[in-house]
Amino acid sequence: LISGMHTAALEEVGHAEAAYALATSYLGVAVGPSALDTRDSGEVRSLPDVAVSTAREGCVAETVAAIEAQLTLAACIAPAACAALAVVANDEASHAALAWRELEWAIGRQPSLA
């Protein structure tokens, strides 16, 4: 799980980099991220909180993102955008599957979460 989470995080960075590169190309001006607020990034969360967050953000939102990317890819006509969408669609489906494995792990540790 830990290795998969690190891989997924790096893939999300790749998605952002691809999106910024596309935006820069289409707009003709450099586009990039703003400052990231990390003030709450070190907070300790309970296993139930992690499980709920994983269910919402991982299991549901990543599945929806994979479907949206696949549907958008089906209508895509710009080669660079199509290539980026193909990667995103595949990665988001993988991230959703990873989230389900994380949720399964959490329930295994605390069966009352089911």
Foldseek 3Di string as FASTA:
>chain_A
DVVLVVVLVVLVVVLQVLVQVVCCVVVVHHDHDDDDDCPCVPDDDDLLVVLVCLVVCQQPVLVVQLVVLVVVLVVDDDVSSNVSSVSSNVSSVSSNVVSVVVNVVSCVVPVVSD
